[in-house]
Amino acid sequence: MSERDKKAVNDVTTSSVDVGQLIDMKWKLGMAVSSDECKHLNSPYITLMMTVTDSSGKVGNHSLEMTTAQFFNFSRQLKDIAALMETV
């Protein structure tokens, strides 16, 4: 992670940011077999399901679908953020 990214994370952690809280995150692996445009798609995908509270305490559910490559990149970014937050 670059020095600029580290400074940005430090700025966020030292200032008051009211973004809510992640309560739960689940994921599942799926396989897209076909679509209207492609008869034999056979493409794996990951679905993330997140439960979060906003700043007022209201609970909401959000879901994302990503390719496996996008999921691995997302996972790597979360690990980088976690490691960076431990040093701040």
PDB file of N, CA and C in Angstrom:
ATOM      1  N   MET A   1       0.852  -1.167   0.000  1.00  0.00           N
ATOM      2  CA  MET A   1       0.000   0.000   0.000  1.00  0.00           C
ATOM      3  C   MET A   1       0.899   1.231   0.000  1.00  0.00           C
ATOM      4  N   SER A   2       0.527   2.239  -0.782  1.00  0.00           N
ATOM      5  CA  SER A   2       1.352   3.430  -0.916  1.00  0.00           C
ATOM      6  C   SER A   2       1.229   4.306   0.335  1.00  0.00           C
ATOM      7  N   GLU A   3       2.174   5.230   0.465  1.00  0.00           N
ATOM      8  CA  GLU A   3       2.150   6.162   1.596  1.00  0.00           C
ATOM      9  C   GLU A   3       0.896   7.029   1.557  1.00  0.00           C
ATOM     10  N   ARG A   4       0.454   7.382   0.342  1.00  0.00           N
ATOM     11  CA  ARG A   4      -0.760   8.186   0.208  1.00  0.00           C
ATOM     12  C   ARG A   4      -1.972   7.419   0.741  1.00  0.00           C
ATOM     13  N   ASP A   5      -2.054   6.099   0.434  1.00  0.00           N
ATOM     14  CA  ASP A   5      -3.157   5.271   0.922  1.00  0.00           C
ATOM     15  C   ASP A   5      -3.113   5.149   2.442  1.00  0.00           C
ATOM     16  N   LYS A   6      -1.908   4.990   2.986  1.00  0.00           N
ATOM     17  CA  LYS A   6      -1.777   4.889   4.435  1.00  0.00           C
ATOM     18  C   LYS A   6      -2.239   6.171   5.112  1.00  0.00           C
ATOM     19  N   LYS A   7      -1.871   7.315   4.532  1.00  0.00           N
ATOM     20  CA  LYS A   7      -2.290   8.599   5.091  1.00  0.00           C
ATOM     21  C   LYS A   7      -3.811   8.734   5.033  1.00  0.00           C
ATOM     22  N   ALA A   8      -4.417   8.297   3.929  1.00  0.00           N
ATOM     23  CA  ALA A   8      -5.872   8.387   3.789  1.00  0.00           C
ATOM     24  C   ALA A   8      -6.570   7.547   4.851  1.00  0.00           C
ATOM     25  N   VAL A   9      -6.078   6.326   5.089  1.00  0.00           N
ATOM     26  CA  VAL A   9      -6.679   5.470   6.121  1.00  0.00           C
ATOM     27  C   VAL A   9      -6.484   6.089   7.493  1.00  0.00           C
ATOM     28  N   ASN A  10      -5.301   6.653   7.741  1.00  0.00           N
ATOM     29  CA  ASN A  10      -5.035   7.298   9.023  1.00  0.00           C
ATOM     30  C   ASN A  10      -5.959   8.493   9.218  1.00  0.00           C
ATOM     31  N   ASP A  11      -6.174   9.290   8.173  1.00  0.00           N
ATOM     32  CA  ASP A  11      -7.079  10.430   8.265  1.00  0.00           C
ATOM     33  C   ASP A  11      -8.488   9.980   8.612  1.00  0.00           C
ATOM     34  N   VAL A  12      -8.930   8.880   8.012  1.00  0.00           N
ATOM     35  CA  VAL A  12     -10.277   8.363   8.270  1.00  0.00           C
ATOM     36  C   VAL A  12     -10.388   7.849   9.692  1.00  0.00           C
ATOM     37  N   THR A  13      -9.371   7.151  10.175  1.00  0.00           N
ATOM     38  CA  THR A  13      -9.460   6.570  11.518  1.00  0.00           C
ATOM     39  C   THR A  13      -9.326   7.623  12.606  1.00  0.00           C
ATOM     40  N   THR A  14      -8.678   8.747  12.308  1.00  0.00           N
ATOM     41  CA  THR A  14      -8.518   9.767  13.342  1.00  0.00           C
ATOM     42  C   THR A  14      -9.631  10.804  13.319  1.00  0.00           C
ATOM     43  N   SER A  15     -10.397  10.855  12.237  1.00  0.00           N
ATOM     44  CA  SER A  15     -11.518  11.791  12.180  1.00  0.00           C
ATOM     45  C   SER A  15     -12.808  11.034  12.481  1.00  0.00           C
ATOM     46  N   SER A  16     -13.860  11.770  12.720  1.00  0.00           N
ATOM     47  CA  SER A  16     -15.144  11.148  13.013  1.00  0.00           C
ATOM     48  C   SER A  16     -15.874  10.846  11.713  1.00  0.00           C
ATOM     49  N   VAL A  17     -16.016   9.578  11.418  1.00  0.00           N
ATOM     50  CA  VAL A  17     -16.728   9.147  10.220  1.00  0.00           C
ATOM     51  C   VAL A  17     -17.929   8.336  10.676  1.00  0.00           C
ATOM     52  N   ASP A  18     -19.092   8.774  10.255  1.00  0.00           N
ATOM     53  CA  ASP A  18     -20.319   8.122  10.686  1.00  0.00           C
ATOM     54  C   ASP A  18     -20.862   7.294   9.524  1.00  0.00           C
ATOM     55  N   VAL A  19     -20.375   6.050   9.404  1.00  0.00           N
ATOM     56  CA  VAL A  19     -20.756   5.213   8.271  1.00  0.00           C
ATOM     57  C   VAL A  19     -21.554   3.983   8.661  1.00  0.00           C
ATOM     58  N   GLY A  20     -21.873   3.829   9.910  1.00  0.00           N
ATOM     59  CA  GLY A  20     -22.596   2.649  10.328  1.00  0.00           C
ATOM     60  C   GLY A  20     -21.652   1.517  10.701  1.00  0.00           C
ATOM     61  N   GLN A  21     -22.197   0.318  10.750  1.00  0.00           N
ATOM     62  CA  GLN A  21     -21.416  -0.824  11.215  1.00  0.00           C
ATOM     63  C   GLN A  21     -21.817  -2.081  10.463  1.00  0.00           C
ATOM     64  N   LEU A  22     -20.800  -2.868  10.106  1.00  0.00           N
ATOM     65  CA  LEU A  22     -21.030  -4.166   9.485  1.00  0.00           C
ATOM     66  C   LEU A  22     -21.391  -5.156  10.583  1.00  0.00           C
ATOM     67  N   ILE A  23     -22.555  -5.780  10.469  1.00  0.00           N
ATOM     68  CA  ILE A  23     -23.008  -6.736  11.478  1.00  0.00           C
ATOM     69  C   ILE A  23     -22.652  -8.156  11.069  1.00  0.00           C
ATOM     70  N   ASP A  24     -22.884  -8.478   9.805  1.00  0.00           N
ATOM     71  CA  ASP A  24     -22.661  -9.847   9.340  1.00  0.00           C
ATOM     72  C   ASP A  24     -22.314  -9.824   7.859  1.00  0.00           C
ATOM     73  N   MET A  25     -21.464 -10.768   7.444  1.00  0.00           N
ATOM     74  CA  MET A  25     -21.156 -10.917   6.032  1.00  0.00           C
ATOM     75  C   MET A  25     -21.088 -12.408   5.726  1.00  0.00           C
ATOM     76  N   LYS A  26     -21.844 -12.817   4.725  1.00  0.00           N
ATOM     77  CA  LYS A  26     -21.849 -14.209   4.283  1.00  0.00           C
ATOM     78  C   LYS A  26     -21.548 -14.230   2.797  1.00  0.00           C
ATOM     79  N   TRP A  27     -21.045 -15.342   2.332  1.00  0.00           N
ATOM     80  CA  TRP A  27     -20.778 -15.471   0.901  1.00  0.00           C
ATOM     81  C   TRP A  27     -21.168 -16.854   0.446  1.00  0.00           C
ATOM     82  N   LYS A  28     -21.462 -16.957  -0.843  1.00  0.00           N
ATOM     83  CA  LYS A  28     -21.746 -18.268  -1.415  1.00  0.00           C
ATOM     84  C   LYS A  28     -21.208 -18.298  -2.842  1.00  0.00           C
ATOM     85  N   LEU A  29     -20.835 -19.475  -3.240  1.00  0.00           N
ATOM     86  CA  LEU A  29     -20.304 -19.710  -4.579  1.00  0.00           C
ATOM     87  C   LEU A  29     -21.427 -20.245  -5.450  1.00  0.00           C
ATOM     88  N   GLY A  30     -21.563 -19.686  -6.631  1.00  0.00           N
ATOM     89  CA  GLY A  30     -22.585 -20.139  -7.563  1.00  0.00           C
ATOM     90  C   GLY A  30     -21.977 -20.400  -8.936  1.00  0.00           C
ATOM     91  N   MET A  31     -22.767 -20.995  -9.801  1.00  0.00           N
ATOM     92  CA  MET A  31     -22.303 -21.274 -11.162  1.00  0.00           C
ATOM     93  C   MET A  31     -23.402 -20.829 -12.129  1.00  0.00           C
ATOM     94  N   ALA A  32     -23.039 -19.876 -12.989  1.00  0.00           N
ATOM     95  CA  ALA A  32     -23.950 -19.448 -14.047  1.00  0.00           C
ATOM     96  C   ALA A  32     -23.803 -20.437 -15.191  1.00  0.00           C
ATOM     97  N   VAL A  33     -24.835 -21.186 -15.477  1.00  0.00           N
ATOM     98  CA  VAL A  33     -24.780 -22.245 -16.473  1.00  0.00           C
ATOM     99  C   VAL A  33     -25.063 -21.711 -17.868  1.00  0.00           C
ATOM    100  N   SER A  34     -26.062 -20.835 -17.994  1.00  0.00           N
ATOM    101  CA  SER A  34     -26.384 -20.271 -19.299  1.00  0.00           C
ATOM    102  C   SER A  34     -27.083 -18.937 -19.118  1.00  0.00           C
ATOM    103  N   SER A  35     -27.187 -18.205 -20.201  1.00  0.00           N
ATOM    104  CA  SER A  35     -27.916 -16.939 -20.190  1.00  0.00           C
ATOM    105  C   SER A  35     -28.632 -16.782 -21.524  1.00  0.00           C
ATOM    106  N   ASP A  36     -29.354 -15.688 -21.685  1.00  0.00           N
ATOM    107  CA  ASP A  36     -30.038 -15.435 -22.951  1.00  0.00           C
ATOM    108  C   ASP A  36     -29.052 -15.307 -24.105  1.00  0.00           C
ATOM    109  N   GLU A  37     -27.860 -14.793 -23.791  1.00  0.00           N
ATOM    110  CA  GLU A  37     -26.873 -14.518 -24.829  1.00  0.00           C
ATOM    111  C   GLU A  37     -25.868 -15.652 -25.036  1.00  0.00           C
ATOM    112  N   CYS A  38     -25.746 -16.534 -24.060  1.00  0.00           N
ATOM    113  CA  CYS A  38     -24.732 -17.595 -24.157  1.00  0.00           C
ATOM    114  C   CYS A  38     -25.327 -18.901 -23.629  1.00  0.00           C
ATOM    115  N   LYS A  39     -25.370 -19.921 -24.489  1.00  0.00           N
ATOM    116  CA  LYS A  39     -25.971 -21.196 -24.097  1.00  0.00           C
ATOM    117  C   LYS A  39     -25.144 -21.944 -23.057  1.00  0.00           C
ATOM    118  N   HIS A  40     -23.833 -21.921 -23.183  1.00  0.00           N
ATOM    119  CA  HIS A  40     -22.949 -22.674 -22.295  1.00  0.00           C
ATOM    120  C   HIS A  40     -21.998 -21.717 -21.591  1.00  0.00           C
ATOM    121  N   LEU A  41     -22.522 -20.982 -20.635  1.00  0.00           N
ATOM    122  CA  LEU A  41     -21.738 -19.976 -19.937  1.00  0.00           C
ATOM    123  C   LEU A  41     -20.734 -20.622 -18.979  1.00  0.00           C
ATOM    124  N   ASN A  42     -21.206 -21.486 -18.100  1.00  0.00           N
ATOM    125  CA  ASN A  42     -20.361 -22.212 -17.137  1.00  0.00           C
ATOM    126  C   ASN A  42     -19.332 -21.308 -16.474  1.00  0.00           C
ATOM    127  N   SER A  43     -19.819 -20.267 -15.819  1.00  0.00           N
ATOM    128  CA  SER A  43     -18.950 -19.281 -15.190  1.00  0.00           C
ATOM    129  C   SER A  43     -19.242 -19.205 -13.691  1.00  0.00           C
ATOM    130  N   PRO A  44     -18.230 -19.421 -12.822  1.00  0.00           N
ATOM    131  CA  PRO A  44     -18.465 -19.322 -11.381  1.00  0.00           C
ATOM    132  C   PRO A  44     -18.583 -17.852 -10.961  1.00  0.00           C
ATOM    133  N   TYR A  45     -19.322 -17.618  -9.888  1.00  0.00           N
ATOM    134  CA  TYR A  45     -19.444 -16.282  -9.320  1.00  0.00           C
ATOM    135  C   TYR A  45     -19.612 -16.387  -7.808  1.00  0.00           C
ATOM    136  N   ILE A  46     -19.330 -15.301  -7.118  1.00  0.00           N
ATOM    137  CA  ILE A  46     -19.455 -15.231  -5.668  1.00  0.00           C
ATOM    138  C   ILE A  46     -20.535 -14.201  -5.349  1.00  0.00           C
ATOM    139  N   THR A  47     -21.429 -14.533  -4.431  1.00  0.00           N
ATOM    140  CA  THR A  47     -22.418 -13.584  -3.944  1.00  0.00           C
ATOM    141  C   THR A  47     -22.082 -13.253  -2.494  1.00  0.00           C
ATOM    142  N   LEU A  48     -21.905 -11.966  -2.201  1.00  0.00           N
ATOM    143  CA  LEU A  48     -21.691 -11.492  -0.834  1.00  0.00           C
ATOM    144  C   LEU A  48     -23.003 -10.930  -0.316  1.00  0.00           C
ATOM    145  N   MET A  49     -23.371 -11.324   0.891  1.00  0.00           N
ATOM    146  CA  MET A  49     -24.556 -10.799   1.538  1.00  0.00           C
ATOM    147  C   MET A  49     -24.119 -10.135   2.841  1.00  0.00           C
ATOM    148  N   MET A  50     -24.362  -8.830   2.940  1.00  0.00           N
ATOM    149  CA  MET A  50     -23.917  -8.072   4.107  1.00  0.00           C
ATOM    150  C   MET A  50     -25.103  -7.485   4.843  1.00  0.00           C
ATOM    151  N   THR A  51     -25.063  -7.560   6.169  1.00  0.00           N
ATOM    152  CA  THR A  51     -26.046  -6.917   7.018  1.00  0.00           C
ATOM    153  C   THR A  51     -25.325  -5.780   7.726  1.00  0.00           C
ATOM    154  N   VAL A  52     -25.843  -4.563   7.572  1.00  0.00           N
ATOM    155  CA  VAL A  52     -25.205  -3.383   8.144  1.00  0.00           C
ATOM    156  C   VAL A  52     -26.241  -2.526   8.852  1.00  0.00           C
ATOM    157  N   THR A  53     -25.767  -1.717   9.795  1.00  0.00           N
ATOM    158  CA  THR A  53     -26.617  -0.703  10.406  1.00  0.00           C
ATOM    159  C   THR A  53     -26.116   0.651   9.926  1.00  0.00           C
ATOM    160  N   ASP A  54     -27.034   1.572   9.671  1.00  0.00           N
ATOM    161  CA  ASP A  54     -26.606   2.915   9.312  1.00  0.00           C
ATOM    162  C   ASP A  54     -26.411   3.730  10.585  1.00  0.00           C
ATOM    163  N   SER A  55     -26.079   4.996  10.438  1.00  0.00           N
ATOM    164  CA  SER A  55     -25.759   5.828  11.605  1.00  0.00           C
ATOM    165  C   SER A  55     -26.950   6.015  12.543  1.00  0.00           C
ATOM    166  N   SER A  56     -28.172   5.822  12.043  1.00  0.00           N
ATOM    167  CA  SER A  56     -29.350   5.953  12.910  1.00  0.00           C
ATOM    168  C   SER A  56     -29.726   4.632  13.581  1.00  0.00           C
ATOM    169  N   GLY A  57     -29.026   3.543  13.248  1.00  0.00           N
ATOM    170  CA  GLY A  57     -29.309   2.246  13.837  1.00  0.00           C
ATOM    171  C   GLY A  57     -30.208   1.362  13.000  1.00  0.00           C
ATOM    172  N   LYS A  58     -30.655   1.853  11.855  1.00  0.00           N
ATOM    173  CA  LYS A  58     -31.518   1.062  10.977  1.00  0.00           C
ATOM    174  C   LYS A  58     -30.704  -0.049  10.317  1.00  0.00           C
ATOM    175  N   VAL A  59     -31.214  -1.284  10.378  1.00  0.00           N
ATOM    176  CA  VAL A  59     -30.527  -2.444   9.818  1.00  0.00           C
ATOM    177  C   VAL A  59     -30.938  -2.619   8.357  1.00  0.00           C
ATOM    178  N   GLY A  60     -29.946  -2.858   7.507  1.00  0.00           N
ATOM    179  CA  GLY A  60     -30.225  -3.079   6.091  1.00  0.00           C
ATOM    180  C   GLY A  60     -29.396  -4.232   5.550  1.00  0.00           C
ATOM    181  N   ASN A  61     -29.882  -4.851   4.496  1.00  0.00           N
ATOM    182  CA  ASN A  61     -29.173  -5.948   3.839  1.00  0.00           C
ATOM    183  C   ASN A  61     -28.748  -5.506   2.444  1.00  0.00           C
ATOM    184  N   HIS A  62     -27.538  -5.890   2.060  1.00  0.00           N
ATOM    185  CA  HIS A  62     -27.000  -5.552   0.750  1.00  0.00           C
ATOM    186  C   HIS A  62     -26.338  -6.794   0.168  1.00  0.00           C
ATOM    187  N   SER A  63     -26.441  -6.961  -1.134  1.00  0.00           N
ATOM    188  CA  SER A  63     -25.775  -8.105  -1.762  1.00  0.00           C
ATOM    189  C   SER A  63     -25.006  -7.632  -2.987  1.00  0.00           C
ATOM    190  N   LEU A  64     -23.924  -8.328  -3.266  1.00  0.00           N
ATOM    191  CA  LEU A  64     -23.062  -8.055  -4.412  1.00  0.00           C
ATOM    192  C   LEU A  64     -22.736  -9.362  -5.098  1.00  0.00           C
ATOM    193  N   GLU A  65     -22.675  -9.352  -6.409  1.00  0.00           N
ATOM    194  CA  GLU A  65     -22.185 -10.510  -7.154  1.00  0.00           C
ATOM    195  C   GLU A  65     -20.899 -10.126  -7.836  1.00  0.00           C
ATOM    196  N   MET A  66     -19.901 -10.992  -7.771  1.00  0.00           N
ATOM    197  CA  MET A  66     -18.611 -10.739  -8.394  1.00  0.00           C
ATOM    198  C   MET A  66     -18.060 -12.013  -9.006  1.00  0.00           C
ATOM    199  N   THR A  67     -17.191 -11.813  -9.976  1.00  0.00           N
ATOM    200  CA  THR A  67     -16.468 -12.954 -10.529  1.00  0.00           C
ATOM    201  C   THR A  67     -15.498 -13.443  -9.462  1.00  0.00           C
ATOM    202  N   THR A  68     -14.948 -14.613  -9.656  1.00  0.00           N
ATOM    203  CA  THR A  68     -13.984 -15.119  -8.669  1.00  0.00           C
ATOM    204  C   THR A  68     -12.756 -14.218  -8.613  1.00  0.00           C
ATOM    205  N   ALA A  69     -12.316 -13.695  -9.750  1.00  0.00           N
ATOM    206  CA  ALA A  69     -11.157 -12.788  -9.762  1.00  0.00           C
ATOM    207  C   ALA A  69     -11.459 -11.511  -8.966  1.00  0.00           C
ATOM    208  N   GLN A  70     -12.652 -10.960  -9.131  1.00  0.00           N
ATOM    209  CA  GLN A  70     -13.041  -9.776  -8.372  1.00  0.00           C
ATOM    210  C   GLN A  70     -13.106 -10.084  -6.882  1.00  0.00           C
ATOM    211  N   PHE A  71     -13.613 -11.265  -6.530  1.00  0.00           N
ATOM    212  CA  PHE A  71     -13.699 -11.653  -5.124  1.00  0.00           C
ATOM    213  C   PHE A  71     -12.314 -11.785  -4.496  1.00  0.00           C
ATOM    214  N   PHE A  72     -11.370 -12.418  -5.211  1.00  0.00           N
ATOM    215  CA  PHE A  72     -10.019 -12.558  -4.678  1.00  0.00           C
ATOM    216  C   PHE A  72      -9.362 -11.194  -4.511  1.00  0.00           C
ATOM    217  N   ASN A  73      -9.594 -10.272  -5.438  1.00  0.00           N
ATOM    218  CA  ASN A  73      -9.064  -8.918  -5.315  1.00  0.00           C
ATOM    219  C   ASN A  73      -9.691  -8.209  -4.107  1.00  0.00           C
ATOM    220  N   PHE A  74     -10.995  -8.339  -3.927  1.00  0.00           N
ATOM    221  CA  PHE A  74     -11.708  -7.757  -2.788  1.00  0.00           C
ATOM    222  C   PHE A  74     -11.163  -8.322  -1.475  1.00  0.00           C
ATOM    223  N   SER A  75     -10.956  -9.620  -1.428  1.00  0.00           N
ATOM    224  CA  SER A  75     -10.422 -10.276  -0.236  1.00  0.00           C
ATOM    225  C   SER A  75      -9.020  -9.757   0.089  1.00  0.00           C
ATOM    226  N   ARG A  76      -8.197  -9.603  -0.925  1.00  0.00           N
ATOM    227  CA  ARG A  76      -6.842  -9.099  -0.741  1.00  0.00           C
ATOM    228  C   ARG A  76      -6.878  -7.656  -0.211  1.00  0.00           C
ATOM    229  N   GLN A  77      -7.783  -6.851  -0.720  1.00  0.00           N
ATOM    230  CA  GLN A  77      -7.908  -5.476  -0.247  1.00  0.00           C
ATOM    231  C   GLN A  77      -8.360  -5.428   1.206  1.00  0.00           C
ATOM    232  N   LEU A  78      -9.287  -6.306   1.591  1.00  0.00           N
ATOM    233  CA  LEU A  78      -9.715  -6.361   2.993  1.00  0.00           C
ATOM    234  C   LEU A  78      -8.559  -6.753   3.911  1.00  0.00           C
ATOM    235  N   LYS A  79      -7.732  -7.701   3.475  1.00  0.00           N
ATOM    236  CA  LYS A  79      -6.565  -8.093   4.273  1.00  0.00           C
ATOM    237  C   LYS A  79      -5.596  -6.935   4.420  1.00  0.00           C
ATOM    238  N   ASP A  80      -5.373  -6.176   3.340  1.00  0.00           N
ATOM    239  CA  ASP A  80      -4.484  -5.015   3.393  1.00  0.00           C
ATOM    240  C   ASP A  80      -5.021  -3.961   4.352  1.00  0.00           C
ATOM    241  N   ILE A  81      -6.329  -3.731   4.306  1.00  0.00           N
ATOM    242  CA  ILE A  81      -6.949  -2.743   5.193  1.00  0.00           C
ATOM    243  C   ILE A  81      -6.819  -3.185   6.645  1.00  0.00           C
ATOM    244  N   ALA A  82      -7.084  -4.475   6.907  1.00  0.00           N
ATOM    245  CA  ALA A  82      -6.987  -4.995   8.279  1.00  0.00           C
ATOM    246  C   ALA A  82      -5.564  -4.859   8.800  1.00  0.00           C
ATOM    247  N   ALA A  83      -4.570  -5.187   7.978  1.00  0.00           N
ATOM    248  CA  ALA A  83      -3.173  -5.081   8.402  1.00  0.00           C
ATOM    249  C   ALA A  83      -2.814  -3.621   8.658  1.00  0.00           C
ATOM    250  N   LEU A  84      -3.280  -2.728   7.829  1.00  0.00           N
ATOM    251  CA  LEU A  84      -3.002  -1.309   7.992  1.00  0.00           C
ATOM    252  C   LEU A  84      -3.662  -0.753   9.241  1.00  0.00           C
ATOM    253  N   MET A  85      -4.871  -1.192   9.522  1.00  0.00           N
ATOM    254  CA  MET A  85      -5.572  -0.701  10.706  1.00  0.00           C
ATOM    255  C   MET A  85      -4.897  -1.174  12.001  1.00  0.00           C
ATOM    256  N   GLU A  86      -4.229  -2.312  11.953  1.00  0.00           N
ATOM    257  CA  GLU A  86      -3.527  -2.797  13.144  1.00  0.00           C
ATOM    258  C   GLU A  86      -2.310  -1.935  13.454  1.00  0.00           C
ATOM    259  N   THR A  87      -1.763  -1.273  12.436  1.00  0.00           N
ATOM    260  CA  THR A  87      -0.565  -0.442  12.672  1.00  0.00           C
ATOM    261  C   THR A  87      -0.915   0.985  13.062  1.00  0.00           C
ATOM    262  N   VAL A  88      -2.189   1.365  12.891  1.00  0.00           N
ATOM    263  CA  VAL A  88      -2.596   2.759  13.204  1.00  0.00           C
ATOM    264  C   VAL A  88      -2.954   2.876  14.656  1.00  0.00           C
TER     265      VAL A  88
END
